[in-house]
Amino acid sequence: MLMIRLFRVGKKKQPSYKIVVTDKKNAPSRGRFVEEVGTYNPLTKQINVKNERIVYWLGVGAQASDTVHNLLVVNKVIEGEKRKIAFKKKEAVIEEKKPEVATPEVKAEEVKTEEPIVEEIKTEEVKTEEVITEEAPVEPVAEEPVA
């Protein structure tokens, strides 16, 4: 299946992309593509596309990646609504990690549940140290005189 996707060509910290038609199985960094149909510079927001070729490839059955689809919709090359992009899920994960505002009663309960766990860990460590000292006594080794 053919995909219209971005192919990074910029220097470090200065990204720029080619918009290319390639097989979905090919990695975007390999440089193997069927045709270059445009360029995109995210720093200057400059987009150059070959409208006729993009419409042709979409008509033949090529699928645009989510980012390319959104760029084409913004530039009115194709009609439709923007797609949600997968990397936006990171924001949801960050929101889940934020601590919730809790009442003092809930905080007191949380502290009580954490303390016994710490005590159990300390008792286990002491037991392991005692077992090691009893089972493995160290015998002094006699040194032989050097000739």
Protein backbone atom coordinates (compact mmCIF):
# COMPACT_ATOMS: atom_id res chain seq x y z
CA MET A 1 0.00 0.00 0.00
CA LEU A 2 1.30 3.45 -0.88
CA MET A 3 1.55 6.22 1.72
CA ILE A 4 2.06 9.95 1.39
CA ARG A 5 4.31 10.80 4.32
CA LEU A 6 7.03 13.11 5.56
CA PHE A 7 10.73 12.38 4.95
CA ARG A 8 13.12 14.36 7.17
CA VAL A 9 16.06 15.97 5.37
CA GLY A 10 17.15 18.84 7.65
CA LYS A 11 20.18 19.34 9.84
CA LYS A 12 20.23 18.77 13.57
CA LYS A 13 17.84 21.20 15.32
CA GLN A 14 16.75 22.52 11.88
CA PRO A 15 14.14 20.12 10.54
CA SER A 16 12.73 20.27 7.06
CA TYR A 17 10.74 17.58 5.32
CA LYS A 18 10.02 16.25 1.85
CA ILE A 19 6.47 15.07 1.24
CA VAL A 20 6.93 11.77 -0.58
CA VAL A 21 4.90 8.86 -1.92
CA THR A 22 6.38 5.58 -0.69
CA ASP A 23 5.44 2.03 0.16
CA LYS A 24 4.10 1.68 3.69
CA LYS A 25 6.64 -1.07 4.47
CA ASN A 26 9.64 1.18 3.75
CA ALA A 27 11.06 3.08 6.69
CA PRO A 28 10.78 6.83 6.16
CA SER A 29 14.52 7.29 6.73
CA ARG A 30 15.64 4.94 3.96
CA GLY A 31 15.20 7.40 1.10
CA ARG A 32 13.33 4.91 -1.08
CA PHE A 33 10.26 6.61 -2.42
CA VAL A 34 8.22 6.61 -5.61
CA GLU A 35 7.87 10.36 -6.05
CA GLU A 36 8.53 13.62 -4.21
CA VAL A 37 5.31 15.66 -4.20
CA GLY A 38 6.25 18.60 -1.98
CA THR A 39 8.28 20.10 0.86
CA TYR A 40 7.48 21.36 4.35
CA ASN A 41 9.55 23.57 6.65
CA PRO A 42 8.03 23.61 10.16
CA LEU A 43 10.27 26.47 11.33
CA THR A 44 8.96 28.92 8.74
CA LYS A 45 5.62 27.10 8.21
CA GLN A 46 6.34 27.12 4.46
CA ILE A 47 4.66 24.39 2.43
CA ASN A 48 5.22 23.72 -1.27
CA VAL A 49 3.08 20.96 -2.79
CA LYS A 50 2.28 19.66 -6.26
CA ASN A 51 -1.51 19.69 -6.03
CA GLU A 52 -2.14 17.68 -9.21
CA ARG A 53 0.25 14.89 -8.22
CA ILE A 54 -1.17 14.61 -4.69
CA VAL A 55 -4.72 14.39 -6.03
CA TYR A 56 -3.53 11.77 -8.55
CA TRP A 57 -1.88 9.58 -5.90
CA LEU A 58 -4.88 9.85 -3.58
CA GLY A 59 -7.10 8.86 -6.51
CA VAL A 60 -4.94 5.83 -7.27
CA GLY A 61 -5.36 4.61 -3.67
CA ALA A 62 -2.47 6.07 -1.70
CA GLN A 63 -3.22 7.01 1.92
CA ALA A 64 -1.92 10.20 3.51
CA SER A 65 -0.40 10.02 6.99
CA ASP A 66 -2.25 11.97 9.68
CA THR A 67 0.23 14.87 9.65
CA VAL A 68 0.31 15.12 5.86
CA HIS A 69 -3.49 14.88 5.72
CA ASN A 70 -3.77 17.82 8.16
CA LEU A 71 -1.26 19.87 6.13
CA LEU A 72 -3.23 19.21 2.93
CA VAL A 73 -6.52 20.19 4.58
CA VAL A 74 -5.04 23.45 5.92
CA ASN A 75 -3.66 24.33 2.45
CA LYS A 76 -7.01 23.38 0.84
CA VAL A 77 -5.47 20.76 -1.43
CA ILE A 78 -8.10 18.29 -0.23
CA GLU A 79 -11.40 18.83 1.56
CA GLY A 80 -12.32 17.29 4.87
CA GLU A 81 -11.70 17.56 8.57
CA LYS A 82 -8.38 17.34 10.36
CA ARG A 83 -7.46 14.02 11.95
CA LYS A 84 -6.40 13.58 15.54
CA ILE A 85 -2.69 12.82 15.72
CA ALA A 86 -1.42 9.92 17.85
CA PHE A 87 1.28 11.84 19.73
CA LYS A 88 -1.34 13.95 21.49
CA LYS A 89 -1.90 10.97 23.83
CA LYS A 90 1.20 11.99 25.78
CA GLU A 91 -0.70 14.97 27.18
CA ALA A 92 -3.32 12.61 28.61
CA VAL A 93 -0.60 10.53 30.29
CA ILE A 94 0.92 13.67 31.84
CA GLU A 95 -2.47 14.72 33.19
CA GLU A 96 -2.94 11.30 34.83
CA LYS A 97 0.39 11.61 36.67
CA LYS A 98 -0.52 14.94 38.26
CA PRO A 99 -1.46 14.50 41.94
CA GLU A 100 -5.09 14.99 42.77
CA VAL A 101 -6.16 17.51 45.37
CA ALA A 102 -7.17 15.48 48.41
CA THR A 103 -8.65 16.29 51.78
CA PRO A 104 -6.45 15.98 54.91
CA GLU A 105 -8.38 12.84 55.95
CA VAL A 106 -7.43 11.04 52.73
CA LYS A 107 -3.78 12.08 53.11
CA ALA A 108 -3.70 10.71 56.68
CA GLU A 109 -5.05 7.36 55.45
CA GLU A 110 -2.40 7.21 52.71
CA VAL A 111 0.40 7.85 55.22
CA LYS A 112 -0.89 5.08 57.51
CA THR A 113 -0.89 2.57 54.68
CA GLU A 114 2.68 3.43 53.64
CA GLU A 115 4.33 3.08 57.07
CA PRO A 116 3.77 -0.70 57.63
CA ILE A 117 5.19 -1.43 54.20
CA VAL A 118 8.43 0.35 55.11
CA GLU A 119 8.66 -1.60 58.39
CA GLU A 120 8.21 -4.93 56.60
CA ILE A 121 11.04 -4.14 54.24
CA LYS A 122 13.35 -3.25 57.11
CA THR A 123 12.60 -6.52 58.95
CA GLU A 124 13.29 -8.57 55.81
CA GLU A 125 16.68 -6.88 55.32
CA VAL A 126 17.73 -7.67 58.91
CA LYS A 127 16.79 -11.33 58.48
CA THR A 128 18.86 -11.69 55.33
CA GLU A 129 21.92 -10.16 56.99
CA GLU A 130 21.69 -12.57 59.95
CA VAL A 131 21.48 -15.59 57.67
CA ILE A 132 24.55 -14.54 55.73
CA THR A 133 26.68 -14.02 58.86
CA GLU A 134 25.71 -17.40 60.37
CA GLU A 135 26.14 -19.56 57.28
CA ALA A 136 29.41 -18.18 55.95
CA PRO A 137 32.01 -17.84 58.71
CA VAL A 138 35.29 -16.40 57.56
CA GLU A 139 38.39 -18.52 58.35
CA PRO A 140 41.79 -16.82 58.58
CA VAL A 141 44.24 -17.92 55.91
CA ALA A 142 47.85 -18.50 57.00
CA GLU A 143 50.41 -16.70 54.91
CA GLU A 144 53.42 -18.67 53.67
CA PRO A 145 56.87 -17.05 53.95
CA VAL A 146 58.29 -15.81 50.67
CA ALA A 147 61.65 -17.35 49.70
